């Protein structure tokens, strides 16, 4: 008679916020799967539901509260974790029946809470984890977190109070994880942290052995080694320190994708100083020209805050003029939003909401025109594209200039023979403000 093993408890997950939170969710699920738990794709089939929250902005906190409320209504057995977990009293005041509340990257605490809420039955024969761990992204791309926390104290940000100061991972551990991800099918590694450029400053004197050679914990050295492992390596959240210049030749050599995600936040020197960010915007323009001279295909994406306290029309016009000169490829903008605990809340000169909206519309209109011109210049060129989805005879992918979820896409005709994760050469036939259209050459 065959042995019948008891069913493992099933865990559901709602993951909110940025890719760094997504990586935390993947780590939690991987640990729970290794402990024998099964995963549930819906509320109904879950013995307990995890809600990984975002607490960066008040609007994100409200979204997190809505998600917690939905999980309680649909399932009833809910554990809350993530950035908003630091404000447990707010969560418990709204939802006194949550089973547990833990903070950001408190993996042991949240896993322990799951064990307590939905104990594993004895002798569960379910300890199976796929190579590379459990993922919440498609198989062909993976987020690779290289550090936690941040040493900056920007006036609008509360991340250091949530996630603490910079703590870098060992380079050999990062490279080992990257290798496992690629062996499991990853084609594109998206390197993330709170401040990728600062990687290793806390452990700079601790090089580690990898493949018979010492690897220094530094962004440039790590990027070079990652480029030997994965076909595509994309750098996110890059603070424009001087040593970023050293990464550009790696892009020209093809070791790292010619793509930099740099959150400039503003251009007005006065507002940058008020934000407590670097204020030498003229030097940034010089460096952009230098980077483009070394690597002509480099894509620069950035984000900007409009309506920061004290921002005048002159400051905002300075930003628009700077954007005209900088000619950034991809731009996102955010209206300033007070966040409990941020220094900027106490600043004078808060900008009226209707002015924020008007400035937001103007900056998006200006950058959309720049993006459209940039994309139009790619018509007639042949670009490498990674395939995300294939439907019928069409496919959708991304060029080296496009990160998933935040940038544009490349839409292909006559592409039914392709598979998700393929990297193909594509002739670009058309373009609009955000996307490209073309046909594969294979």
Protein backbone atom coordinates (compact mmCIF):
# COMPACT_ATOMS: atom_id res chain seq x y z
CA UNK A 1 0.00 0.00 0.00
CA UNK A 2 1.42 3.39 -0.99
CA UNK A 3 2.31 5.79 1.80
CA UNK A 4 0.03 8.82 1.84
CA UNK A 5 1.83 11.94 2.99
CA UNK A 6 -0.11 14.74 4.66
CA UNK A 7 -0.73 17.81 2.57
CA UNK A 8 1.58 20.75 3.15
CA UNK A 9 0.06 24.06 4.22
CA UNK A 10 -0.34 26.51 1.36
CA UNK A 11 0.95 30.09 1.45
CA UNK A 12 -0.35 32.98 -0.64
CA UNK A 13 1.68 36.12 -1.32
CA UNK A 14 0.76 39.70 -2.23
CA UNK A 15 3.94 41.65 -3.07
CA UNK A 16 3.72 45.44 -3.33
CA UNK A 17 6.25 48.18 -3.99
CA UNK A 18 9.62 48.20 -5.74
CA UNK A 19 11.78 45.39 -7.17
CA UNK A 20 13.73 45.30 -3.91
CA UNK A 21 10.52 44.22 -2.17
CA UNK A 22 9.96 41.67 -4.92
CA UNK A 23 13.36 40.11 -4.19
CA UNK A 24 12.44 39.97 -0.49
CA UNK A 25 9.21 38.16 -1.43
CA UNK A 26 11.14 35.66 -3.56
CA UNK A 27 13.54 34.95 -0.69
CA UNK A 28 10.69 34.43 1.78
CA UNK A 29 8.84 32.08 -0.58
CA UNK A 30 12.03 30.16 -1.40
CA UNK A 31 12.70 29.59 2.31
CA UNK A 32 9.10 28.53 2.95
CA UNK A 33 9.20 26.15 -0.04
CA UNK A 34 12.43 24.64 1.26
CA UNK A 35 10.65 24.15 4.59
CA UNK A 36 8.00 22.13 2.79
CA UNK A 37 5.22 24.68 2.28
CA UNK A 38 3.22 24.78 -0.94
CA UNK A 39 2.28 27.99 -2.73
CA UNK A 40 -1.24 29.18 -3.46
CA UNK A 41 -2.05 31.41 -6.45
CA UNK A 42 -5.27 32.66 -4.83
CA UNK A 43 -6.80 33.56 -1.49
CA UNK A 44 -9.21 30.62 -1.40
CA UNK A 45 -6.52 27.96 -1.49
CA UNK A 46 -4.17 29.55 1.06
CA UNK A 47 -3.86 28.54 4.70
CA UNK A 48 -2.16 31.87 5.37
CA UNK A 49 -1.56 34.97 3.21
CA UNK A 50 1.57 37.15 3.34
CA UNK A 51 1.28 40.81 2.37
CA UNK A 52 4.69 42.37 1.64
CA UNK A 53 4.02 46.09 2.00
CA UNK A 54 5.51 49.36 0.76
CA UNK A 55 5.77 52.31 3.15
CA UNK A 56 7.71 54.87 1.15
CA UNK A 57 4.85 57.31 0.50
CA UNK A 58 1.54 57.90 2.20
CA UNK A 59 -0.21 56.76 -0.98
CA UNK A 60 1.84 53.53 -0.89
CA UNK A 61 0.86 53.01 2.76
CA UNK A 62 -2.80 53.42 1.84
CA UNK A 63 -2.38 50.91 -1.00
CA UNK A 64 -0.79 48.50 1.49
CA UNK A 65 -3.69 48.94 3.91
CA UNK A 66 -6.15 48.26 1.10
CA UNK A 67 -4.25 45.07 0.18
CA UNK A 68 -4.23 43.92 3.80
CA UNK A 69 -7.96 44.61 4.06
CA UNK A 70 -8.65 42.65 0.88
CA UNK A 71 -6.57 39.69 2.11
CA UNK A 72 -8.41 39.67 5.45
CA UNK A 73 -11.80 39.87 3.71
CA UNK A 74 -10.96 37.10 1.24
CA UNK A 75 -8.95 34.80 3.53
CA UNK A 76 -8.84 36.04 7.12
CA UNK A 77 -5.42 34.62 8.07
CA UNK A 78 -2.92 37.36 7.19
CA UNK A 79 0.72 38.09 8.06
CA UNK A 80 2.09 41.52 7.18
CA UNK A 81 5.74 42.20 6.38
CA UNK A 82 7.81 44.76 4.44
CA UNK A 83 8.63 48.45 4.80
CA UNK A 84 5.26 49.50 6.21
CA UNK A 85 5.65 46.82 8.89
CA UNK A 86 7.78 49.27 10.86
CA UNK A 87 4.56 51.12 11.66
CA UNK A 88 2.85 48.07 13.15
CA UNK A 89 0.63 50.17 15.41
CA UNK A 90 -1.10 51.75 12.39
CA UNK A 91 -1.68 48.34 10.80
CA UNK A 92 -2.97 46.77 14.02
CA UNK A 93 -5.23 49.76 14.72
CA UNK A 94 -6.95 49.24 11.36
CA UNK A 95 -6.74 45.43 11.37
CA UNK A 96 -6.43 44.03 14.90
CA UNK A 97 -6.87 40.47 13.59
CA UNK A 98 -3.63 40.29 11.57
CA UNK A 99 -1.63 37.30 12.80
CA UNK A 100 1.77 39.03 12.83
CA UNK A 101 3.55 42.16 11.59
CA UNK A 102 7.25 42.18 10.71
CA UNK A 103 9.51 44.82 9.13
CA UNK A 104 11.57 44.97 5.94
CA UNK A 105 13.98 42.07 5.19
CA UNK A 106 13.15 40.36 8.51
CA UNK A 107 13.16 36.96 6.82
CA UNK A 108 13.50 34.81 9.93
CA UNK A 109 10.67 36.62 11.72
CA UNK A 110 8.18 36.32 8.88
CA UNK A 111 9.05 32.67 8.21
CA UNK A 112 8.70 31.99 11.93
CA UNK A 113 5.29 33.65 11.91
CA UNK A 114 4.19 31.38 9.05
CA UNK A 115 5.39 28.30 10.94
CA UNK A 116 3.34 29.40 13.92
CA UNK A 117 0.21 30.30 11.94
CA UNK A 118 0.24 27.22 9.68
CA UNK A 119 2.49 24.53 11.22
CA UNK A 120 3.97 21.89 8.96
CA UNK A 121 2.51 18.42 9.50
CA UNK A 122 5.04 15.81 10.66
CA UNK A 123 7.07 13.99 7.99
CA UNK A 124 5.99 16.18 5.11
CA UNK A 125 7.76 14.86 1.98
CA UNK A 126 7.57 18.18 0.25
CA UNK A 127 10.98 19.81 0.59
CA UNK A 128 11.44 20.67 -3.09
CA UNK A 129 12.90 23.96 -4.37
CA UNK A 130 13.70 24.68 -8.03
CA UNK A 131 17.26 25.63 -8.97
CA UNK A 132 17.66 29.38 -8.42
CA UNK A 133 14.85 29.49 -5.84
CA UNK A 134 11.26 30.57 -6.31
CA UNK A 135 10.73 33.57 -8.57
CA UNK A 136 7.93 36.09 -9.02
CA UNK A 137 9.31 37.24 -12.39
CA UNK A 138 9.36 35.33 -15.69
CA UNK A 139 12.12 32.75 -15.94
CA UNK A 140 14.28 34.76 -18.36
CA UNK A 141 14.97 37.78 -16.14
CA UNK A 142 15.77 38.11 -12.44
CA UNK A 143 16.36 40.90 -9.96
CA UNK A 144 19.68 40.57 -8.14
CA UNK A 145 19.85 42.53 -4.89
CA UNK A 146 23.44 43.41 -3.94
CA UNK A 147 22.90 45.40 -0.73
CA UNK A 148 20.35 46.63 1.77
CA UNK A 149 19.86 50.08 3.26
CA UNK A 150 21.28 53.49 2.39
CA UNK A 151 23.77 55.93 3.92
CA UNK A 152 22.14 59.04 2.42
CA UNK A 153 19.71 61.23 4.30
CA UNK A 154 17.71 62.84 1.49
CA UNK A 155 15.15 65.28 2.85
CA UNK A 156 12.18 63.61 1.12
CA UNK A 157 13.07 59.99 1.92
CA UNK A 158 12.54 57.71 4.92
CA UNK A 159 14.16 54.58 3.49
CA UNK A 160 17.16 54.66 5.90
CA UNK A 161 14.78 54.76 8.86
CA UNK A 162 12.96 51.73 7.42
CA UNK A 163 15.81 49.63 6.02
CA UNK A 164 18.79 51.06 7.91
CA UNK A 165 22.26 52.03 6.71
CA UNK A 166 24.07 50.37 3.82
CA UNK A 167 24.87 46.68 4.29
CA UNK A 168 26.59 45.14 1.26
CA UNK A 169 26.49 41.45 0.42
CA UNK A 170 29.73 39.54 -0.11
CA UNK A 171 30.71 39.63 -3.81
CA UNK A 172 31.22 35.87 -3.97
CA UNK A 173 27.70 35.29 -2.60
CA UNK A 174 26.25 37.64 -5.23
CA UNK A 175 28.16 35.97 -8.05
CA UNK A 176 27.16 32.50 -6.83
CA UNK A 177 23.50 33.55 -6.83
CA UNK A 178 23.89 35.06 -10.32
CA UNK A 179 25.42 31.83 -11.60
CA UNK A 180 22.55 29.75 -10.19
CA UNK A 181 19.98 32.08 -11.72
CA UNK A 182 21.61 31.84 -15.15
CA UNK A 183 21.85 28.06 -14.86
CA UNK A 184 18.10 28.06 -14.11
CA UNK A 185 17.31 30.02 -17.30
CA UNK A 186 17.88 33.70 -16.50
CA UNK A 187 19.13 35.71 -19.49
CA UNK A 188 18.94 39.18 -17.94
CA UNK A 189 20.15 40.16 -14.47
CA UNK A 190 18.70 43.41 -13.11
CA UNK A 191 21.08 44.65 -10.41
CA UNK A 192 19.22 46.50 -7.66
CA UNK A 193 19.79 48.05 -4.23
CA UNK A 194 18.95 51.34 -2.56
CA UNK A 195 22.24 52.79 -3.87
CA UNK A 196 24.05 50.52 -6.33
CA UNK A 197 26.99 52.91 -6.72
CA UNK A 198 27.73 52.66 -2.98
CA UNK A 199 28.03 48.89 -3.10
CA UNK A 200 30.95 47.69 -1.01
CA UNK A 201 31.89 50.91 0.80
CA UNK A 202 31.15 49.15 4.10
CA UNK A 203 33.20 46.04 3.24
CA UNK A 204 35.82 47.51 0.87
CA UNK A 205 38.68 45.80 2.72
CA UNK A 206 37.13 42.37 2.37
CA UNK A 207 37.78 41.02 -1.16
CA UNK A 208 36.56 37.46 -1.68
CA UNK A 209 37.84 34.57 -3.76
CA UNK A 210 35.79 33.73 -6.84
CA UNK A 211 36.89 31.28 -9.54
CA UNK A 212 40.46 31.41 -8.24
CA UNK A 213 40.70 35.22 -8.21
CA UNK A 214 40.03 37.87 -5.59
CA UNK A 215 36.98 40.08 -6.31
CA UNK A 216 36.90 43.50 -4.67
CA UNK A 217 33.46 44.53 -3.33
CA UNK A 218 33.07 47.53 -5.65
CA UNK A 219 30.41 48.30 -8.26
CA UNK A 220 32.84 48.24 -11.21
CA UNK A 221 34.48 44.94 -10.23
CA UNK A 222 31.13 43.32 -9.51
CA UNK A 223 29.64 44.53 -12.81
CA UNK A 224 32.65 43.14 -14.71
CA UNK A 225 32.26 39.71 -13.10
CA UNK A 226 28.49 39.64 -13.61
CA UNK A 227 29.07 40.45 -17.28
CA UNK A 228 31.01 37.18 -17.58
CA UNK A 229 28.05 35.22 -16.21
CA UNK A 230 24.86 36.57 -17.82
CA UNK A 231 24.10 37.62 -21.42
CA UNK A 232 22.50 40.86 -20.19
CA UNK A 233 23.35 42.79 -17.01
CA UNK A 234 21.33 45.95 -16.27
CA UNK A 235 22.25 48.46 -13.54
CA UNK A 236 19.51 50.19 -11.55
CA UNK A 237 19.48 52.89 -8.83
CA UNK A 238 22.93 54.23 -9.70
CA UNK A 239 23.88 57.32 -7.69
CA UNK A 240 26.17 59.48 -9.91
CA UNK A 241 29.41 59.14 -7.92
CA UNK A 242 32.63 59.86 -9.88
CA UNK A 243 33.54 56.17 -10.07
CA UNK A 244 30.43 55.49 -12.19
CA UNK A 245 32.61 56.75 -15.07
CA UNK A 246 34.58 53.49 -14.75
CA UNK A 247 31.53 51.41 -15.69
CA UNK A 248 30.99 53.10 -19.08
CA UNK A 249 33.92 51.31 -20.80
CA UNK A 250 32.40 47.98 -19.66
CA UNK A 251 29.26 49.00 -21.55
CA UNK A 252 31.28 49.88 -24.64
CA UNK A 253 32.92 46.42 -24.42
CA UNK A 254 29.53 44.70 -24.20
CA UNK A 255 30.05 43.27 -20.70
CA UNK A 256 27.23 45.36 -19.23
CA UNK A 257 24.14 46.71 -20.98
CA UNK A 258 24.55 50.36 -22.08
CA UNK A 259 21.89 51.47 -19.63
CA UNK A 260 22.04 53.53 -16.45
CA UNK A 261 19.12 54.20 -14.14
CA UNK A 262 20.13 57.36 -12.24
CA UNK A 263 17.52 59.07 -10.01
CA UNK A 264 18.64 62.71 -10.44
CA UNK A 265 15.43 63.98 -8.73
CA UNK A 266 15.91 67.61 -9.89
CA UNK A 267 18.33 69.94 -11.67
CA UNK A 268 17.98 73.27 -9.86
CA UNK A 269 21.07 73.63 -7.61
CA UNK A 270 18.96 75.34 -4.96
CA UNK A 271 16.37 72.54 -4.83
CA UNK A 272 19.04 69.83 -4.93
CA UNK A 273 20.74 71.39 -1.92
CA UNK A 274 17.40 71.55 -0.13
CA UNK A 275 16.84 67.88 -1.00
CA UNK A 276 20.35 67.15 0.38
CA UNK A 277 21.52 65.71 -2.93
CA UNK A 278 24.55 66.57 -5.12
CA UNK A 279 24.01 69.99 -6.70
CA UNK A 280 26.64 70.18 -9.45
CA UNK A 281 24.25 69.80 -12.36
CA UNK A 282 26.69 71.36 -14.88
CA UNK A 283 29.23 68.63 -14.23
CA UNK A 284 26.51 66.02 -14.74
CA UNK A 285 25.89 67.42 -18.23
CA UNK A 286 29.61 67.19 -18.98
CA UNK A 287 29.70 63.61 -17.79
CA UNK A 288 26.68 62.69 -19.92
CA UNK A 289 28.54 63.98 -22.98
CA UNK A 290 31.63 62.02 -21.96
CA UNK A 291 29.65 58.82 -21.45
CA UNK A 292 28.01 59.18 -24.87
CA UNK A 293 31.39 59.74 -26.49
CA UNK A 294 32.65 56.46 -25.03
CA UNK A 295 29.41 54.50 -25.52
CA UNK A 296 27.16 56.20 -28.12
CA UNK A 297 24.25 53.79 -27.53
CA UNK A 298 24.04 54.39 -23.78
CA UNK A 299 20.51 54.88 -22.45
CA UNK A 300 20.02 57.15 -19.44
CA UNK A 301 16.78 56.84 -17.52
CA UNK A 302 15.93 58.98 -14.52
CA UNK A 303 13.18 60.20 -12.24
CA UNK A 304 12.37 63.70 -11.00
CA UNK A 305 10.29 65.20 -8.21
CA UNK A 306 8.14 68.21 -9.06
CA UNK A 307 6.56 70.49 -6.47
CA UNK A 308 9.21 69.96 -3.79
CA UNK A 309 8.73 72.49 -0.94
CA UNK A 310 10.19 75.82 -1.99
CA UNK A 311 10.25 75.00 -5.72
CA UNK A 312 9.58 78.21 -7.64
CA UNK A 313 8.57 78.61 -11.26
CA UNK A 314 12.18 79.63 -11.90
CA UNK A 315 13.44 76.37 -10.36
CA UNK A 316 11.00 74.37 -12.43
CA UNK A 317 11.94 76.18 -15.66
CA UNK A 318 15.58 75.44 -14.82
CA UNK A 319 14.66 71.75 -14.70
CA UNK A 320 12.90 71.94 -18.09
CA UNK A 321 15.88 73.70 -19.68
CA UNK A 322 18.26 71.17 -18.13
CA UNK A 323 16.19 68.30 -19.55
CA UNK A 324 16.35 69.89 -23.00
CA UNK A 325 20.15 69.90 -22.78
CA UNK A 326 20.54 66.52 -21.06
CA UNK A 327 18.31 64.71 -23.60
CA UNK A 328 17.64 61.78 -21.28
CA UNK A 329 16.19 58.72 -22.97
CA UNK A 330 13.63 57.69 -20.35
CA UNK A 331 12.11 59.92 -17.67
CA UNK A 332 9.61 59.38 -14.90
CA UNK A 333 8.22 62.18 -12.74
CA UNK A 334 6.54 62.26 -9.35
CA UNK A 335 4.58 64.93 -7.57
CA UNK A 336 6.11 65.63 -4.15
CA UNK A 337 4.16 63.88 -1.45
CA UNK A 338 4.81 64.42 2.27
CA UNK A 339 5.84 61.23 4.03
CA UNK A 340 5.60 60.89 7.77
CA UNK A 341 9.11 61.15 9.20
CA UNK A 342 10.68 62.97 6.22
CA UNK A 343 12.59 66.20 6.90
CA UNK A 344 10.96 67.98 3.95
CA UNK A 345 7.58 67.97 5.67
CA UNK A 346 8.75 70.81 7.92
CA UNK A 347 10.13 72.92 5.06
CA UNK A 348 8.45 76.19 4.16
CA UNK A 349 6.90 76.96 0.80
CA UNK A 350 4.79 73.88 0.15
CA UNK A 351 3.57 73.95 -3.45
CA UNK A 352 -0.22 73.86 -4.03
CA UNK A 353 -1.55 70.61 -5.47
CA UNK A 354 -2.87 72.25 -8.63
CA UNK A 355 0.60 73.70 -9.32
CA UNK A 356 2.17 70.28 -8.81
CA UNK A 357 -0.28 68.81 -11.32
CA UNK A 358 0.44 71.52 -13.86
CA UNK A 359 4.21 71.10 -13.51
CA UNK A 360 3.92 67.33 -13.70
CA UNK A 361 1.98 67.61 -16.95
CA UNK A 362 4.57 70.00 -18.41
CA UNK A 363 7.57 67.87 -17.53
CA UNK A 364 5.92 64.73 -18.92
CA UNK A 365 4.99 66.54 -22.14
CA UNK A 366 8.55 67.81 -22.55
CA UNK A 367 10.20 64.45 -21.88
CA UNK A 368 7.70 62.57 -24.07
CA UNK A 369 8.78 64.74 -27.02
CA UNK A 370 12.44 63.95 -26.30
CA UNK A 371 11.64 60.24 -26.03
CA UNK A 372 9.71 60.26 -29.30
CA UNK A 373 12.63 61.86 -31.15
CA UNK A 374 15.10 59.43 -29.60
CA UNK A 375 12.99 56.42 -30.60
CA UNK A 376 12.37 57.79 -34.10
CA UNK A 377 16.14 57.87 -34.63
CA UNK A 378 16.19 54.09 -34.15
CA UNK A 379 13.90 53.40 -37.11
CA UNK A 380 15.89 51.53 -39.75
CA UNK A 381 18.43 50.21 -37.23
CA UNK A 382 18.97 46.62 -36.16
CA UNK A 383 18.73 46.09 -32.39
CA UNK A 384 19.06 43.17 -30.01
CA UNK A 385 15.74 42.36 -28.34
CA UNK A 386 14.88 39.94 -25.52
CA UNK A 387 11.47 38.30 -25.95
CA UNK A 388 9.00 38.61 -23.07
CA UNK A 389 5.80 37.19 -24.59
CA UNK A 390 4.74 35.40 -27.78
CA UNK A 391 1.11 35.40 -28.89
CA UNK A 392 0.07 33.94 -32.23
CA UNK A 393 2.31 35.40 -34.91
CA UNK A 394 3.30 38.42 -32.81
CA UNK A 395 5.71 38.89 -29.94
CA UNK A 396 6.64 41.59 -27.44
CA UNK A 397 10.12 42.17 -26.13
CA UNK A 398 12.54 44.81 -24.94
CA UNK A 399 15.67 46.33 -26.39
CA UNK A 400 18.80 46.91 -24.35
CA UNK A 401 17.37 50.38 -23.65
CA UNK A 402 14.26 49.00 -21.92
CA UNK A 403 13.94 47.62 -18.40
CA UNK A 404 10.85 45.52 -17.64
CA UNK A 405 7.75 47.25 -16.29
CA UNK A 406 9.21 50.80 -16.35
CA UNK A 407 10.42 51.49 -19.90
CA UNK A 408 9.08 50.84 -23.40
CA UNK A 409 8.60 47.68 -25.42
CA UNK A 410 9.42 46.38 -28.88
CA UNK A 411 6.40 44.91 -30.70
CA UNK A 412 7.22 42.34 -33.39
CA UNK A 413 5.35 40.95 -36.36
CA UNK A 414 6.10 37.57 -38.00
CA UNK A 415 7.50 36.36 -34.69
CA UNK A 416 5.43 33.26 -33.87
CA UNK A 417 8.52 31.03 -34.10
CA UNK A 418 10.24 32.79 -31.18
CA UNK A 419 10.21 31.72 -27.53
CA UNK A 420 10.15 33.67 -24.27
CA UNK A 421 13.74 34.50 -23.31
CA UNK A 422 15.14 34.44 -26.85
CA UNK A 423 17.55 37.26 -27.64
CA UNK A 424 17.17 38.12 -31.32
CA UNK A 425 18.21 40.76 -33.82
CA UNK A 426 15.30 42.95 -34.90
CA UNK A 427 14.93 45.46 -37.72
CA UNK A 428 13.06 48.51 -36.37
CA UNK A 429 10.34 49.70 -38.73
CA UNK A 430 8.30 52.23 -36.71
CA UNK A 431 8.30 54.14 -33.43
CA UNK A 432 5.97 56.19 -31.24
CA UNK A 433 6.53 58.15 -28.01
CA UNK A 434 7.28 55.06 -25.94
CA UNK A 435 7.58 51.88 -28.05
CA UNK A 436 9.30 50.46 -31.11
CA UNK A 437 7.87 48.18 -33.83
CA UNK A 438 9.80 45.78 -36.00
CA UNK A 439 10.45 42.34 -37.43
CA UNK A 440 12.95 39.68 -36.30
CA UNK A 441 15.80 38.87 -38.66
CA UNK A 442 15.98 35.23 -37.58
